[in-house]
Amino acid sequence: MEMKSWSRKSLLGLEDMNREEIICLLDKAKEFQKVLSQKGSVLDLLKGKRIINLFMEPSTRTRVAFEVAAKTLSADIISIAESSSSLTKGETLRDTALNIQALGADAIVIRHSSPGSALFLSKTIDVPIINAGDGAHEHPSQALLDIFTLRENLGALDGKKITILGDILFSRVARSNLWGLKKLGASVTFAGPSTLVPEGFEKLGAKVTHNLHRALENADAVMLLRIQHERQSSSHFPSLSEYTKIFGLSSNQEKILANKTLILHPGPINRGVEIDSTLADCSRSLILEQVSNGVAVRMAILYLCCTSFDKK
């Protein structure tokens, strides 16, 4: 069934995916989640495939989740960091990828600081390209696991109210989640200081507010984002302590949240900045569930892209 809804060779972002494709992938992830619940289970669906993790930016959760996903599907996976690649010698990204393909790669998972890097490679390389984050543009696998987690806990997302709070301006996670959640019928609110949540995001279909109370009121779920210092050329607020005081999710703000409001965070968490430990670790927090679901979602991505490519 999934092949009728999925015909993509590469996964570059959620902006150009439709509702049926997103649901197809999430349904496949649900199947793989059942496999993962049986400890030690391994499938041979990608046996003989060689997956390359080409990570030009630091990563723990995403890189390891793709490694575990590939191994659970019986694929061979090799992870390459920028510091150990020929990019440090002046080789272009294109030449690096072409050489990786020539060495027998069946798919490349790439994280890069330049927006559009995954799209560029998809037009250069014959094998599937999976975007593991390109600058402040998109992070599709993270958004898909976030959406998967929300569906597991809320059911269908049509009409649900999801608030994304924090550094929206520099967040690829926020953008990908907006595209995906909107296509599944959810209402998305971006919230944070005006310097990090400019009004222009309304043109993309998000509601925008700079008032924390208004952002959290009646929300079915709130997703916290860390401050992306590495992408900022200058400070967008006076101090972290001031940001925390106004926009941090703490026990003081818990009374604003409805009893059913779920709490998510793509990580890494800056405890005591965007969220207090008491809330990060509370019963409504889905943060570790997001990490676990990330393996099943990335299994679905690898499986669908690689098997779809084989049929072309």
Protein backbone atom coordinates (compact mmCIF):
# COMPACT_ATOMS: atom_id res chain seq x y z
CA MET A 1 0.00 0.00 0.00
CA GLU A 2 2.75 2.43 0.90
CA MET A 3 4.21 2.36 -2.61
CA LYS A 4 0.98 3.85 -4.02
CA SER A 5 1.44 6.82 -1.69
CA TRP A 6 5.24 6.91 -1.73
CA SER A 7 7.27 7.32 -4.89
CA ARG A 8 10.07 9.58 -3.67
CA LYS A 9 13.70 8.62 -4.07
CA SER A 10 14.87 11.23 -1.55
CA LEU A 11 13.53 12.90 1.59
CA LEU A 12 14.50 16.57 1.37
CA GLY A 13 11.82 18.30 3.42
CA LEU A 14 8.16 18.40 4.41
CA GLU A 15 7.31 21.58 2.52
CA ASP A 16 6.85 19.72 -0.77
CA MET A 17 5.30 16.56 0.70
CA ASN A 18 1.55 16.02 0.69
CA ARG A 19 -0.70 14.69 3.45
CA GLU A 20 -0.90 11.20 1.94
CA GLU A 21 2.88 10.83 1.76
CA ILE A 22 3.33 11.97 5.35
CA ILE A 23 0.66 9.56 6.62
CA CYS A 24 2.13 6.76 4.53
CA LEU A 25 5.52 7.24 6.18
CA LEU A 26 4.03 7.54 9.68
CA ASP A 27 2.01 4.35 9.15
CA LYS A 28 5.14 2.50 8.07
CA ALA A 29 6.91 3.83 11.18
CA LYS A 30 4.06 2.43 13.27
CA GLU A 31 4.72 -1.01 11.79
CA PHE A 32 8.41 -0.73 12.62
CA GLN A 33 7.61 0.49 16.14
CA LYS A 34 5.97 -2.88 16.82
CA VAL A 35 9.17 -4.61 15.70
CA LEU A 36 11.29 -2.43 17.98
CA SER A 37 9.07 -3.31 20.94
CA GLN A 38 10.46 -6.84 20.67
CA LYS A 39 13.97 -6.36 22.01
CA GLY A 40 16.70 -7.64 19.72
CA SER A 41 14.46 -7.98 16.67
CA VAL A 42 16.16 -7.36 13.33
CA LEU A 43 14.62 -7.24 9.85
CA ASP A 44 16.47 -8.07 6.64
CA LEU A 45 14.58 -5.54 4.50
CA LEU A 46 17.71 -3.57 3.57
CA LYS A 47 20.23 -6.41 3.81
CA GLY A 48 23.17 -5.68 1.53
CA LYS A 49 22.49 -1.93 1.39
CA ARG A 50 25.25 0.51 2.30
CA ILE A 51 24.10 3.72 4.01
CA ILE A 52 26.46 6.66 4.54
CA ASN A 53 25.88 9.16 7.35
CA LEU A 54 27.62 12.35 6.16
CA PHE A 55 27.36 14.73 9.11
CA MET A 56 28.98 18.11 8.60
CA GLU A 57 27.50 19.44 11.86
CA PRO A 58 27.54 17.93 15.37
CA SER A 59 24.77 15.45 16.16
CA THR A 60 24.00 12.75 18.68
CA ARG A 61 20.30 11.81 18.53
CA THR A 62 19.84 12.08 14.76
CA ARG A 63 23.08 10.37 13.79
CA VAL A 64 22.72 7.52 16.28
CA ALA A 65 19.02 7.05 15.44
CA PHE A 66 19.87 6.62 11.74
CA GLU A 67 22.64 4.17 12.69
CA VAL A 68 20.29 2.09 14.85
CA ALA A 69 17.55 2.28 12.20
CA ALA A 70 19.87 1.08 9.44
CA LYS A 71 21.27 -1.77 11.54
CA THR A 72 17.77 -2.88 12.57
CA LEU A 73 16.96 -3.13 8.85
CA SER A 74 20.21 -5.13 8.34
CA ALA A 75 21.88 -2.40 6.28
CA ASP A 76 25.55 -1.54 6.66
CA ILE A 77 26.05 2.04 7.85
CA ILE A 78 29.18 4.18 7.96
CA SER A 79 29.21 7.55 9.72
CA ILE A 80 31.55 10.29 8.50
CA ALA A 81 32.08 13.53 10.44
CA GLU A 82 33.39 16.73 8.85
CA SER A 83 36.62 16.53 10.83
CA SER A 84 37.43 13.15 9.27
CA SER A 85 36.34 13.97 5.72
CA SER A 86 38.29 15.43 2.80
CA LEU A 87 36.18 18.57 3.10
CA THR A 88 38.81 19.73 5.60
CA LYS A 89 41.34 19.52 2.75
CA GLY A 90 39.30 21.77 0.47
CA GLU A 91 37.30 19.12 -1.39
CA THR A 92 33.83 20.30 -2.42
CA LEU A 93 30.69 18.72 -1.01
CA ARG A 94 29.79 17.59 -4.53
CA ASP A 95 33.09 15.80 -5.02
CA THR A 96 32.91 14.22 -1.57
CA ALA A 97 29.43 12.86 -2.31
CA LEU A 98 30.40 11.65 -5.80
CA ASN A 99 33.33 9.75 -4.31
CA ILE A 100 31.09 8.23 -1.64
CA GLN A 101 28.67 7.12 -4.35
CA ALA A 102 31.56 5.65 -6.36
CA LEU A 103 32.55 3.61 -3.31
CA GLY A 104 29.16 1.86 -3.40
CA ALA A 105 26.82 3.94 -1.27
CA ASP A 106 23.13 3.05 -1.72
CA ALA A 107 21.91 6.15 0.16
CA ILE A 108 23.43 9.22 1.80
CA VAL A 109 22.07 10.83 4.97
CA ILE A 110 23.43 14.37 5.12
CA ARG A 111 23.52 17.12 7.71
CA HIS A 112 25.05 20.40 6.54
CA SER A 113 25.09 24.04 7.64
CA SER A 114 24.04 25.32 4.21
CA PRO A 115 20.29 25.54 3.42
CA GLY A 116 19.53 23.60 0.25
CA SER A 117 22.58 21.32 0.53
CA ALA A 118 20.45 18.15 0.46
CA LEU A 119 18.50 19.40 -2.55
CA PHE A 120 21.77 20.23 -4.33
CA LEU A 121 23.10 16.72 -3.76
CA SER A 122 19.84 15.12 -4.90
CA LYS A 123 20.35 16.77 -8.29
CA THR A 124 23.98 15.63 -8.43
CA ILE A 125 23.96 12.13 -6.97
CA ASP A 126 22.00 9.17 -8.32
CA VAL A 127 21.28 7.49 -4.97
CA PRO A 128 18.66 8.59 -2.40
CA ILE A 129 19.55 11.67 -0.35
CA ILE A 130 18.01 12.04 3.11
CA ASN A 131 18.11 15.48 4.71
CA ALA A 132 19.21 15.26 8.36
CA GLY A 133 19.18 19.05 8.69
CA ASP A 134 20.27 21.79 6.28
CA GLY A 135 21.10 25.04 8.02
CA ALA A 136 18.01 26.81 9.35
CA HIS A 137 15.91 25.44 6.49
CA GLU A 138 14.44 21.99 7.30
CA HIS A 139 14.89 18.95 9.53
CA PRO A 140 12.28 16.54 8.12
CA SER A 141 13.12 13.41 10.11
CA GLN A 142 12.87 15.32 13.40
CA ALA A 143 9.52 16.83 12.45
CA LEU A 144 8.20 13.44 11.35
CA LEU A 145 9.12 11.86 14.68
CA ASP A 146 7.56 14.83 16.51
CA ILE A 147 4.37 14.41 14.50
CA PHE A 148 4.43 10.64 15.01
CA THR A 149 4.70 11.19 18.78
CA LEU A 150 1.83 13.67 18.76
CA ARG A 151 -0.40 11.27 16.79
CA GLU A 152 0.42 8.45 19.19
CA ASN A 153 -0.78 10.59 22.11
CA LEU A 154 -3.49 12.78 20.57
CA GLY A 155 -4.82 10.65 17.73
CA ALA A 156 -5.70 12.44 14.49
CA LEU A 157 -4.25 15.95 14.49
CA ASP A 158 -7.10 17.66 12.63
CA GLY A 159 -8.15 20.65 14.73
CA LYS A 160 -5.44 20.16 17.37
CA LYS A 161 -3.60 23.25 18.66
CA ILE A 162 0.17 22.96 18.74
CA THR A 163 2.40 25.73 20.10
CA ILE A 164 6.09 25.91 19.18
CA LEU A 165 7.91 28.16 21.63
CA GLY A 166 11.41 29.62 21.43
CA ASP A 167 13.97 30.40 18.76
CA ILE A 168 11.78 30.09 15.67
CA LEU A 169 13.89 32.33 13.44
CA PHE A 170 16.89 30.00 13.37
CA SER A 171 15.03 26.70 13.82
CA ARG A 172 14.82 24.16 11.00
CA VAL A 173 12.72 21.99 13.32
CA ALA A 174 10.03 24.68 13.61
CA ARG A 175 9.78 25.08 9.85
CA SER A 176 9.50 21.37 9.13
CA ASN A 177 6.95 20.90 11.90
CA LEU A 178 4.87 23.77 10.56
CA TRP A 179 4.69 22.23 7.07
CA GLY A 180 3.87 18.76 8.40
CA LEU A 181 1.40 19.72 11.13
CA LYS A 182 -0.54 22.06 8.85
CA LYS A 183 -0.90 19.33 6.23
CA LEU A 184 -2.34 17.03 8.88
CA GLY A 185 -4.91 19.64 9.89
CA ALA A 186 -3.35 21.05 13.06
CA SER A 187 -3.27 24.72 14.02
CA VAL A 188 0.29 25.92 14.71
CA THR A 189 1.27 28.89 16.88
CA PHE A 190 4.83 30.24 16.89
CA ALA A 191 5.71 32.05 20.12
CA GLY A 192 8.71 33.82 21.58
CA PRO A 193 10.37 37.24 21.60
CA SER A 194 9.65 39.42 18.56
CA THR A 195 13.30 39.27 17.52
CA LEU A 196 13.10 35.48 17.22
CA VAL A 197 9.49 35.21 16.00
CA PRO A 198 8.97 37.91 13.36
CA GLU A 199 5.47 38.53 12.02
CA GLY A 200 6.55 37.26 8.60
CA PHE A 201 5.97 33.68 9.72
CA GLU A 202 2.22 34.34 9.45
CA LYS A 203 2.66 34.21 5.68
CA LEU A 204 3.73 30.57 6.06
CA GLY A 205 0.47 29.71 7.82
CA ALA A 206 1.47 30.00 11.47
CA LYS A 207 -0.20 32.10 14.10
CA VAL A 208 2.34 34.38 15.79
CA THR A 209 2.29 35.69 19.35
CA HIS A 210 4.83 37.25 21.69
CA ASN A 211 2.66 36.63 24.75
CA LEU A 212 3.43 33.42 26.65
CA HIS A 213 0.00 33.18 28.30
CA ARG A 214 -1.74 33.50 24.94
CA ALA A 215 0.62 30.95 23.39
CA LEU A 216 -0.04 28.28 26.03
CA GLU A 217 -3.75 28.85 26.53
CA ASN A 218 -5.78 25.84 25.32
CA ALA A 219 -2.75 24.27 23.62
CA ASP A 220 -2.96 20.50 23.13
CA ALA A 221 0.83 20.37 23.07
CA VAL A 222 3.74 22.76 23.45
CA MET A 223 7.12 22.15 21.84
CA LEU A 224 10.10 23.96 23.36
CA LEU A 225 13.07 24.96 21.22
CA ARG A 226 16.55 25.79 22.45
CA ILE A 227 18.28 29.05 21.59
CA GLN A 228 20.36 28.44 18.44
CA HIS A 229 23.45 30.41 19.45
CA GLU A 230 25.54 28.78 16.71
CA ARG A 231 23.33 30.26 13.98
CA GLN A 232 23.08 33.76 15.43
CA SER A 233 25.56 36.42 14.34
CA SER A 234 24.41 38.67 17.20
CA SER A 235 22.30 38.37 20.31
CA HIS A 236 18.55 38.61 19.75
CA PHE A 237 17.69 39.31 23.40
CA PRO A 238 19.51 41.00 26.32
CA SER A 239 20.40 37.85 28.28
CA LEU A 240 19.48 34.19 28.80
CA SER A 241 18.15 34.98 32.25
CA GLU A 242 15.78 37.57 30.80
CA TYR A 243 14.64 35.14 28.10
CA THR A 244 14.01 32.47 30.75
CA LYS A 245 12.09 34.88 32.95
CA ILE A 246 9.71 35.89 30.13
CA PHE A 247 9.53 32.83 27.87
CA GLY A 248 10.96 29.90 29.84
CA LEU A 249 8.56 27.10 30.72
CA SER A 250 8.77 26.75 34.48
CA SER A 251 6.61 25.57 37.35
CA ASN A 252 5.34 29.16 37.53
CA GLN A 253 3.90 28.80 34.03
CA GLU A 254 2.54 25.30 34.60
CA LYS A 255 -0.74 26.74 35.87
CA ILE A 256 -1.24 28.34 32.43
CA LEU A 257 -1.09 24.96 30.76
CA ALA A 258 -4.22 22.89 30.52
CA ASN A 259 -3.99 19.61 32.44
CA LYS A 260 -3.81 17.69 29.20
CA THR A 261 -1.15 19.81 27.49
CA LEU A 262 1.74 17.63 26.32
CA ILE A 263 5.35 18.83 26.45
CA LEU A 264 7.87 18.11 23.71
CA HIS A 265 11.45 19.16 22.96
CA PRO A 266 13.61 18.05 19.99
CA GLY A 267 16.76 18.34 22.11
CA PRO A 268 19.33 19.04 23.22
CA ILE A 269 17.63 20.55 26.28
CA ASN A 270 19.08 23.57 28.04
CA ARG A 271 17.60 22.82 31.46
CA GLY A 272 16.74 25.93 33.38
CA VAL A 273 16.67 28.05 30.20
CA GLU A 274 13.76 27.07 27.93
CA ILE A 275 12.36 24.55 30.40
CA ASP A 276 12.70 23.61 34.07
CA SER A 277 13.79 20.09 34.93
CA THR A 278 10.55 19.54 36.87
CA LEU A 279 8.55 19.96 33.64
CA ALA A 280 11.08 18.23 31.38
CA ASP A 281 10.78 15.13 33.57
CA CYS A 282 7.07 15.28 34.42
CA SER A 283 4.43 12.73 33.36
CA ARG A 284 3.22 14.94 30.50
CA SER A 285 6.69 15.21 29.00
CA LEU A 286 7.16 13.19 25.80
CA ILE A 287 10.81 14.11 25.32
CA LEU A 288 12.28 10.62 25.75
CA GLU A 289 9.37 9.12 23.82
CA GLN A 290 10.37 11.39 20.93
CA VAL A 291 13.89 9.94 21.00
CA SER A 292 12.59 6.35 20.99
CA ASN A 293 10.13 7.07 18.18
CA GLY A 294 12.96 8.57 16.15
CA VAL A 295 14.35 5.12 15.38
CA ALA A 296 11.07 3.77 13.95
CA VAL A 297 10.54 6.93 11.89
CA ARG A 298 14.05 6.78 10.45
CA MET A 299 13.60 3.09 9.66
CA ALA A 300 10.54 4.09 7.64
CA ILE A 301 12.49 6.83 5.84
CA LEU A 302 15.36 4.54 4.91
CA TYR A 303 13.07 1.70 3.88
CA LEU A 304 10.72 3.80 1.73
CA CYS A 305 13.44 5.79 -0.01
CA CYS A 306 15.70 2.81 -0.71
CA THR A 307 12.96 0.45 -1.90
CA SER A 308 11.28 3.14 -3.98
CA PHE A 309 14.65 3.87 -5.66
CA ASP A 310 15.15 0.16 -6.38
CA LYS A 311 11.90 0.07 -8.35
CA LYS A 312 12.84 2.98 -10.62
